[in-house]
C-alpha cells in the first residue's frame, strides 16, 4: 500500500487479521480468549450495514459471533484484497476492500467501506467504527 499513512497501514493489517479470526471462529478453531481480543477491535459505537441492508450494532455483532462459532467446521474460507484508503486523517481512516467467501463449492464476494478510529487499546491500534458491505457478484448469501 504505497503512499498510505500509518493508520491506513494499521487498518489494512486489522482487516486481514480480523478476517482470519472470522474464518477460524466460524470453523470452531478458536476459544474465549480469541473472542475477547477480536471484539476489542471494535469501537463501542460500532455499526455495520450488511449486504442485504440490515443494520447491526456491537451487541448484535457479538451475539452473531457467539451463535456462529463452529457453524462451518470444514471447507469454509475467507480472503480479503484490493485494499485502498479512501480518506485519512490523524485519528481516523476510511478503507475500501473486497471480501471473498467460499463454502461447499459456492463463492460470494462483497465490497466493503470501513471507518477506523485511532485506538491505542485495539489490537492493531485502530478500532472498527462503521462498515458497509455490498454484494459484488450475483450469488448473495451462504
N, C-alpha and C. Protein backbone atom coordinates (compact mmCIF):
# COMPACT_ATOMS: atom_id res chain seq x y z
N UNK A 1 0.85 -1.17 0.00
CA UNK A 1 0.00 0.00 0.00
C UNK A 1 0.89 1.23 0.00
N UNK A 2 1.45 1.56 -1.14
CA UNK A 2 2.37 2.70 -1.23
C UNK A 2 1.61 4.00 -1.07
N UNK A 3 2.22 4.95 -0.38
CA UNK A 3 1.62 6.25 -0.18
C UNK A 3 0.58 6.29 0.94
N UNK A 4 0.29 5.16 1.54
CA UNK A 4 -0.70 5.14 2.62
C UNK A 4 -0.07 5.61 3.91
N UNK A 5 -0.87 6.25 4.73
CA UNK A 5 -0.39 6.70 6.02
C UNK A 5 -0.39 5.59 7.05
N UNK A 6 0.09 5.93 8.23
CA UNK A 6 0.23 4.96 9.32
C UNK A 6 -1.11 4.29 9.67
N UNK A 7 -2.19 5.07 9.79
CA UNK A 7 -3.47 4.47 10.14
C UNK A 7 -4.00 3.55 9.05
N UNK A 8 -3.81 3.92 7.80
CA UNK A 8 -4.24 3.06 6.69
C UNK A 8 -3.51 1.73 6.72
N UNK A 9 -2.23 1.76 7.01
CA UNK A 9 -1.48 0.50 7.10
C UNK A 9 -1.95 -0.33 8.29
N UNK A 10 -2.23 0.33 9.42
CA UNK A 10 -2.74 -0.38 10.58
C UNK A 10 -4.13 -0.96 10.29
N UNK A 11 -4.96 -0.20 9.58
CA UNK A 11 -6.31 -0.67 9.24
C UNK A 11 -6.24 -1.87 8.30
N UNK A 12 -5.35 -1.84 7.33
CA UNK A 12 -5.21 -3.00 6.44
C UNK A 12 -4.81 -4.23 7.23
N UNK A 13 -3.87 -4.08 8.12
CA UNK A 13 -3.44 -5.20 8.98
C UNK A 13 -4.62 -5.71 9.81
N UNK A 14 -5.40 -4.78 10.36
CA UNK A 14 -6.58 -5.15 11.16
C UNK A 14 -7.61 -5.90 10.32
N UNK A 15 -7.88 -5.42 9.12
CA UNK A 15 -8.84 -6.08 8.24
C UNK A 15 -8.41 -7.53 7.98
N UNK A 16 -7.16 -7.72 7.64
CA UNK A 16 -6.64 -9.06 7.37
C UNK A 16 -6.78 -9.95 8.60
N UNK A 17 -6.28 -9.47 9.74
CA UNK A 17 -6.30 -10.28 10.97
C UNK A 17 -7.72 -10.59 11.43
N UNK A 18 -8.63 -9.62 11.31
CA UNK A 18 -9.99 -9.87 11.77
C UNK A 18 -10.67 -10.91 10.91
N UNK A 19 -10.38 -10.92 9.60
CA UNK A 19 -10.99 -11.92 8.74
C UNK A 19 -10.37 -13.30 8.95
N UNK A 20 -9.10 -13.35 9.33
CA UNK A 20 -8.51 -14.64 9.74
C UNK A 20 -9.25 -15.14 10.98
N UNK A 21 -9.51 -14.24 11.93
CA UNK A 21 -10.28 -14.62 13.11
C UNK A 21 -11.65 -15.16 12.70
N UNK A 22 -12.39 -14.42 11.85
CA UNK A 22 -13.73 -14.86 11.44
C UNK A 22 -13.68 -16.26 10.84
N UNK A 23 -12.75 -16.49 9.94
CA UNK A 23 -12.65 -17.81 9.31
C UNK A 23 -12.42 -18.90 10.35
N UNK A 24 -11.48 -18.68 11.25
CA UNK A 24 -11.15 -19.69 12.26
C UNK A 24 -12.26 -19.82 13.31
N UNK A 25 -12.93 -18.72 13.65
CA UNK A 25 -14.03 -18.76 14.61
C UNK A 25 -15.20 -19.56 14.04
N UNK A 26 -15.56 -19.27 12.79
CA UNK A 26 -16.67 -19.99 12.16
C UNK A 26 -16.35 -21.47 11.99
N UNK A 27 -15.07 -21.81 11.93
CA UNK A 27 -14.66 -23.22 11.84
C UNK A 27 -14.63 -23.89 13.21
N UNK A 28 -14.77 -23.10 14.28
CA UNK A 28 -14.75 -23.67 15.62
C UNK A 28 -13.37 -23.90 16.17
N UNK A 29 -12.36 -23.25 15.61
CA UNK A 29 -10.96 -23.47 16.00
C UNK A 29 -10.49 -22.55 17.11
N UNK A 30 -11.28 -21.59 17.53
CA UNK A 30 -10.84 -20.58 18.49
C UNK A 30 -11.72 -20.60 19.73
N UNK A 31 -11.18 -20.03 20.80
CA UNK A 31 -11.90 -20.01 22.07
C UNK A 31 -12.17 -18.61 22.60
N UNK A 32 -12.53 -18.54 23.87
CA UNK A 32 -12.97 -17.31 24.51
C UNK A 32 -11.92 -16.21 24.50
N UNK A 33 -10.66 -16.56 24.73
CA UNK A 33 -9.59 -15.55 24.72
C UNK A 33 -9.50 -14.90 23.34
N UNK A 34 -9.61 -15.69 22.31
CA UNK A 34 -9.58 -15.17 20.94
C UNK A 34 -10.78 -14.27 20.67
N UNK A 35 -11.95 -14.67 21.18
CA UNK A 35 -13.15 -13.86 21.01
C UNK A 35 -12.98 -12.50 21.68
N UNK A 36 -12.51 -12.49 22.91
CA UNK A 36 -12.34 -11.22 23.65
C UNK A 36 -11.37 -10.30 22.92
N UNK A 37 -10.27 -10.84 22.40
CA UNK A 37 -9.33 -10.00 21.65
C UNK A 37 -10.00 -9.45 20.40
N UNK A 38 -10.73 -10.30 19.70
CA UNK A 38 -11.37 -9.87 18.45
C UNK A 38 -12.40 -8.78 18.71
N UNK A 39 -13.22 -8.94 19.73
CA UNK A 39 -14.27 -7.96 19.99
C UNK A 39 -13.67 -6.64 20.46
N UNK A 40 -12.46 -6.68 21.04
CA UNK A 40 -11.79 -5.45 21.47
C UNK A 40 -11.33 -4.60 20.29
N UNK A 41 -11.40 -5.14 19.08
CA UNK A 41 -11.03 -4.40 17.88
C UNK A 41 -12.17 -3.52 17.36
N UNK A 42 -13.32 -3.56 18.05
CA UNK A 42 -14.49 -2.81 17.60
C UNK A 42 -14.82 -1.71 18.61
N UNK A 43 -15.07 -0.52 18.10
CA UNK A 43 -15.45 0.64 18.91
C UNK A 43 -16.82 0.39 19.54
N UNK A 44 -17.04 0.96 20.72
CA UNK A 44 -18.33 0.80 21.42
C UNK A 44 -19.51 1.29 20.57
N UNK A 45 -19.28 2.27 19.70
CA UNK A 45 -20.33 2.80 18.83
C UNK A 45 -20.39 2.13 17.48
N UNK A 46 -19.80 0.95 17.35
CA UNK A 46 -19.73 0.24 16.07
C UNK A 46 -21.11 0.02 15.46
N UNK A 47 -21.17 0.16 14.12
CA UNK A 47 -22.37 -0.17 13.35
C UNK A 47 -21.94 -0.81 12.03
N UNK A 48 -22.74 -1.75 11.58
CA UNK A 48 -22.49 -2.45 10.31
C UNK A 48 -23.78 -2.49 9.53
N UNK A 49 -23.67 -2.24 8.24
CA UNK A 49 -24.77 -2.45 7.32
C UNK A 49 -24.36 -3.61 6.42
N UNK A 50 -25.09 -4.72 6.53
CA UNK A 50 -24.71 -5.90 5.76
C UNK A 50 -25.17 -5.76 4.31
N UNK A 51 -24.76 -6.67 3.43
CA UNK A 51 -25.08 -6.53 2.00
C UNK A 51 -26.58 -6.49 1.69
N UNK A 52 -27.40 -7.05 2.60
CA UNK A 52 -28.85 -7.03 2.39
C UNK A 52 -29.51 -5.79 2.98
N UNK A 53 -28.72 -4.93 3.66
CA UNK A 53 -29.24 -3.69 4.20
C UNK A 53 -29.58 -3.73 5.68
N UNK A 54 -29.40 -4.88 6.34
CA UNK A 54 -29.68 -4.96 7.77
C UNK A 54 -28.60 -4.23 8.56
N UNK A 55 -29.00 -3.58 9.64
CA UNK A 55 -28.08 -2.82 10.49
C UNK A 55 -27.77 -3.63 11.74
N UNK A 56 -26.51 -3.63 12.13
CA UNK A 56 -26.06 -4.39 13.30
C UNK A 56 -25.17 -3.50 14.15
N UNK A 57 -25.39 -3.49 15.47
CA UNK A 57 -24.51 -2.75 16.37
C UNK A 57 -23.51 -3.72 17.00
N UNK A 58 -22.71 -3.22 17.94
CA UNK A 58 -21.69 -4.07 18.56
C UNK A 58 -22.31 -5.25 19.30
N UNK A 59 -23.40 -5.02 20.03
CA UNK A 59 -24.07 -6.13 20.73
C UNK A 59 -24.57 -7.17 19.74
N UNK A 60 -25.11 -6.72 18.62
CA UNK A 60 -25.58 -7.63 17.59
C UNK A 60 -24.45 -8.42 16.96
N UNK A 61 -23.32 -7.75 16.73
CA UNK A 61 -22.15 -8.45 16.21
C UNK A 61 -21.70 -9.53 17.18
N UNK A 62 -21.62 -9.18 18.46
CA UNK A 62 -21.20 -10.15 19.47
C UNK A 62 -22.13 -11.34 19.52
N UNK A 63 -23.44 -11.10 19.50
CA UNK A 63 -24.42 -12.18 19.52
C UNK A 63 -24.31 -13.06 18.28
N UNK A 64 -24.12 -12.43 17.12
CA UNK A 64 -23.97 -13.20 15.88
C UNK A 64 -22.74 -14.09 15.96
N UNK A 65 -21.62 -13.51 16.42
CA UNK A 65 -20.39 -14.30 16.51
C UNK A 65 -20.55 -15.45 17.49
N UNK A 66 -21.12 -15.19 18.64
CA UNK A 66 -21.33 -16.26 19.64
C UNK A 66 -22.15 -17.40 19.04
N UNK A 67 -23.20 -17.06 18.31
CA UNK A 67 -24.06 -18.08 17.73
C UNK A 67 -23.46 -18.79 16.54
N UNK A 68 -22.46 -18.20 15.91
CA UNK A 68 -21.90 -18.77 14.68
C UNK A 68 -20.61 -19.55 14.91
N UNK A 69 -20.12 -19.59 16.14
CA UNK A 69 -18.87 -20.33 16.40
C UNK A 69 -19.06 -21.80 16.02
N UNK A 70 -18.16 -22.28 15.15
CA UNK A 70 -18.21 -23.66 14.70
C UNK A 70 -19.27 -23.95 13.66
N UNK A 71 -19.92 -22.93 13.12
CA UNK A 71 -21.00 -23.12 12.14
C UNK A 71 -20.52 -23.80 10.86
N UNK A 72 -19.28 -23.51 10.47
CA UNK A 72 -18.71 -24.10 9.26
C UNK A 72 -17.46 -24.88 9.63
N UNK A 73 -17.58 -26.12 10.11
CA UNK A 73 -16.42 -26.85 10.60
C UNK A 73 -15.38 -27.21 9.54
N UNK A 74 -15.77 -27.24 8.28
CA UNK A 74 -14.77 -27.55 7.25
C UNK A 74 -15.16 -26.92 5.92
N UNK A 75 -14.15 -26.68 5.12
CA UNK A 75 -14.38 -26.20 3.77
C UNK A 75 -14.83 -24.76 3.65
N UNK A 76 -14.67 -23.97 4.69
CA UNK A 76 -15.06 -22.56 4.65
C UNK A 76 -13.80 -21.71 4.61
N UNK A 77 -13.78 -20.70 3.74
CA UNK A 77 -12.63 -19.81 3.69
C UNK A 77 -13.08 -18.38 3.44
N UNK A 78 -12.28 -17.46 3.96
CA UNK A 78 -12.49 -16.03 3.74
C UNK A 78 -11.14 -15.45 3.32
N UNK A 79 -11.16 -14.61 2.30
CA UNK A 79 -9.97 -13.86 1.93
C UNK A 79 -10.38 -12.41 1.68
N UNK A 80 -9.42 -11.52 1.85
CA UNK A 80 -9.66 -10.10 1.62
C UNK A 80 -8.55 -9.56 0.73
N UNK A 81 -8.90 -8.58 -0.11
CA UNK A 81 -7.91 -7.99 -1.02
C UNK A 81 -8.39 -6.62 -1.49
N UNK A 82 -7.68 -6.07 -2.43
CA UNK A 82 -7.94 -4.76 -3.05
C UNK A 82 -8.18 -3.65 -2.02
N UNK A 83 -7.25 -3.55 -1.10
CA UNK A 83 -7.31 -2.52 -0.06
C UNK A 83 -7.01 -1.15 -0.66
N UNK A 84 -7.76 -0.15 -0.21
CA UNK A 84 -7.49 1.22 -0.65
C UNK A 84 -7.95 2.19 0.42
N UNK A 85 -7.07 3.10 0.83
CA UNK A 85 -7.52 4.15 1.73
C UNK A 85 -8.32 5.17 0.92
N UNK A 86 -9.53 5.48 1.37
CA UNK A 86 -10.38 6.44 0.67
C UNK A 86 -10.26 7.84 1.25
N UNK A 87 -9.93 7.89 2.54
CA UNK A 87 -9.81 9.16 3.26
C UNK A 87 -9.05 8.87 4.54
N UNK A 88 -8.17 9.79 4.92
CA UNK A 88 -7.39 9.57 6.14
C UNK A 88 -7.05 10.89 6.79
N UNK A 89 -7.15 10.90 8.12
CA UNK A 89 -6.62 12.00 8.90
C UNK A 89 -5.85 11.39 10.07
N UNK A 90 -5.39 12.22 10.96
CA UNK A 90 -4.53 11.75 12.04
C UNK A 90 -5.21 10.73 12.95
N UNK A 91 -6.53 10.83 13.14
CA UNK A 91 -7.22 9.97 14.10
C UNK A 91 -8.26 9.04 13.49
N UNK A 92 -8.36 8.99 12.15
CA UNK A 92 -9.36 8.14 11.50
C UNK A 92 -8.96 7.84 10.07
N UNK A 93 -9.44 6.70 9.57
CA UNK A 93 -9.19 6.34 8.19
C UNK A 93 -10.40 5.57 7.65
N UNK A 94 -10.77 5.87 6.42
CA UNK A 94 -11.84 5.17 5.72
C UNK A 94 -11.18 4.27 4.69
N UNK A 95 -11.43 2.97 4.80
CA UNK A 95 -10.80 1.98 3.92
C UNK A 95 -11.84 1.30 3.05
N UNK A 96 -11.41 0.89 1.87
CA UNK A 96 -12.20 0.05 0.99
C UNK A 96 -11.44 -1.26 0.82
N UNK A 97 -12.18 -2.36 0.74
CA UNK A 97 -11.56 -3.66 0.49
C UNK A 97 -12.62 -4.61 -0.04
N UNK A 98 -12.19 -5.73 -0.57
CA UNK A 98 -13.11 -6.76 -1.04
C UNK A 98 -12.93 -8.00 -0.16
N UNK A 99 -14.04 -8.65 0.11
CA UNK A 99 -14.05 -9.88 0.91
C UNK A 99 -14.65 -11.00 0.06
N UNK A 100 -14.00 -12.16 0.08
CA UNK A 100 -14.44 -13.31 -0.70
C UNK A 100 -14.63 -14.49 0.25
N UNK A 101 -15.78 -15.15 0.16
CA UNK A 101 -16.05 -16.32 0.98
C UNK A 101 -16.34 -17.50 0.07
N UNK A 102 -15.86 -18.68 0.52
CA UNK A 102 -16.13 -19.93 -0.19
C UNK A 102 -16.63 -20.95 0.83
N UNK A 103 -17.69 -21.65 0.45
CA UNK A 103 -18.23 -22.70 1.31
C UNK A 103 -19.02 -23.68 0.46
N UNK A 104 -18.68 -24.94 0.58
CA UNK A 104 -19.38 -26.01 -0.13
C UNK A 104 -19.55 -25.71 -1.62
N UNK A 105 -18.47 -25.26 -2.25
CA UNK A 105 -18.48 -25.01 -3.69
C UNK A 105 -19.12 -23.71 -4.12
N UNK A 106 -19.67 -22.95 -3.17
CA UNK A 106 -20.28 -21.66 -3.51
C UNK A 106 -19.32 -20.54 -3.14
N UNK A 107 -19.34 -19.49 -3.93
CA UNK A 107 -18.47 -18.34 -3.67
C UNK A 107 -19.30 -17.07 -3.67
N UNK A 108 -18.99 -16.20 -2.73
CA UNK A 108 -19.61 -14.89 -2.69
C UNK A 108 -18.52 -13.85 -2.52
N UNK A 109 -18.79 -12.67 -3.00
CA UNK A 109 -17.86 -11.56 -2.83
C UNK A 109 -18.65 -10.31 -2.48
N UNK A 110 -18.01 -9.49 -1.70
CA UNK A 110 -18.62 -8.22 -1.31
C UNK A 110 -17.54 -7.16 -1.23
N UNK A 111 -17.93 -5.94 -1.53
CA UNK A 111 -17.05 -4.79 -1.36
C UNK A 111 -17.46 -4.12 -0.07
N UNK A 112 -16.47 -3.67 0.69
CA UNK A 112 -16.76 -3.01 1.96
C UNK A 112 -16.06 -1.67 2.04
N UNK A 113 -16.71 -0.74 2.72
CA UNK A 113 -16.09 0.52 3.13
C UNK A 113 -16.15 0.52 4.65
N UNK A 114 -15.00 0.70 5.28
CA UNK A 114 -14.94 0.62 6.74
C UNK A 114 -14.21 1.84 7.30
N UNK A 115 -14.81 2.41 8.34
CA UNK A 115 -14.23 3.54 9.04
C UNK A 115 -13.55 3.03 10.30
N UNK A 116 -12.28 3.39 10.46
CA UNK A 116 -11.49 3.00 11.64
C UNK A 116 -11.09 4.25 12.39
N UNK A 117 -11.13 4.16 13.72
CA UNK A 117 -10.68 5.23 14.59
C UNK A 117 -9.39 4.82 15.27
N UNK A 118 -8.50 5.76 15.43
CA UNK A 118 -7.27 5.50 16.17
C UNK A 118 -7.65 5.08 17.59
N UNK A 119 -7.09 3.96 18.07
CA UNK A 119 -7.43 3.44 19.39
C UNK A 119 -6.24 2.63 19.91
N UNK A 120 -5.52 3.20 20.86
CA UNK A 120 -4.33 2.53 21.40
C UNK A 120 -4.65 1.21 22.07
N UNK A 121 -5.90 1.01 22.51
CA UNK A 121 -6.28 -0.23 23.18
C UNK A 121 -6.69 -1.35 22.22
N UNK A 122 -6.91 -1.02 20.97
CA UNK A 122 -7.30 -2.03 19.98
C UNK A 122 -6.07 -2.83 19.55
N UNK A 123 -6.26 -4.08 19.15
CA UNK A 123 -5.11 -4.94 18.83
C UNK A 123 -4.10 -4.36 17.84
N UNK A 124 -4.55 -3.63 16.83
CA UNK A 124 -3.63 -3.06 15.84
C UNK A 124 -3.61 -1.53 15.87
N UNK A 125 -4.14 -0.96 16.96
CA UNK A 125 -4.11 0.49 17.11
C UNK A 125 -5.23 1.23 16.42
N UNK A 126 -6.16 0.48 15.81
CA UNK A 126 -7.33 1.08 15.18
C UNK A 126 -8.55 0.23 15.53
N UNK A 127 -9.69 0.90 15.70
CA UNK A 127 -10.93 0.19 16.04
C UNK A 127 -11.96 0.41 14.93
N UNK A 128 -12.68 -0.66 14.60
CA UNK A 128 -13.77 -0.59 13.64
C UNK A 128 -14.89 0.29 14.21
N UNK A 129 -15.28 1.33 13.50
CA UNK A 129 -16.40 2.17 13.93
C UNK A 129 -17.64 1.92 13.07
N UNK A 130 -17.41 1.69 11.77
CA UNK A 130 -18.53 1.52 10.85
C UNK A 130 -18.07 0.71 9.66
N UNK A 131 -18.92 -0.15 9.15
CA UNK A 131 -18.64 -0.88 7.91
C UNK A 131 -19.94 -1.06 7.14
N UNK A 132 -19.86 -0.85 5.83
CA UNK A 132 -20.98 -1.13 4.95
C UNK A 132 -20.50 -2.05 3.86
N UNK A 133 -21.28 -3.12 3.63
CA UNK A 133 -20.91 -4.14 2.65
C UNK A 133 -21.95 -4.18 1.53
N UNK A 134 -21.46 -4.42 0.32
CA UNK A 134 -22.32 -4.50 -0.87
C UNK A 134 -21.90 -5.72 -1.67
N UNK A 135 -22.88 -6.54 -2.09
CA UNK A 135 -22.57 -7.69 -2.93
C UNK A 135 -21.91 -7.23 -4.23
N UNK A 136 -20.89 -7.96 -4.67
CA UNK A 136 -20.25 -7.64 -5.95
C UNK A 136 -20.30 -8.84 -6.91
N UNK A 137 -21.21 -9.77 -6.62
CA UNK A 137 -21.49 -10.83 -7.58
C UNK A 137 -22.97 -11.14 -7.50
N UNK A 138 -23.45 -12.07 -8.31
CA UNK A 138 -24.89 -12.30 -8.37
C UNK A 138 -25.33 -13.52 -7.55
N UNK A 139 -24.51 -13.96 -6.60
CA UNK A 139 -24.87 -15.11 -5.78
C UNK A 139 -24.79 -14.74 -4.30
N UNK A 140 -25.62 -13.82 -3.82
CA UNK A 140 -25.52 -13.40 -2.42
C UNK A 140 -25.99 -14.50 -1.47
N UNK A 141 -25.50 -14.41 -0.27
CA UNK A 141 -25.91 -15.31 0.80
C UNK A 141 -25.17 -16.63 0.79
N UNK A 142 -25.12 -17.22 1.94
CA UNK A 142 -24.47 -18.53 2.05
C UNK A 142 -25.32 -19.43 2.89
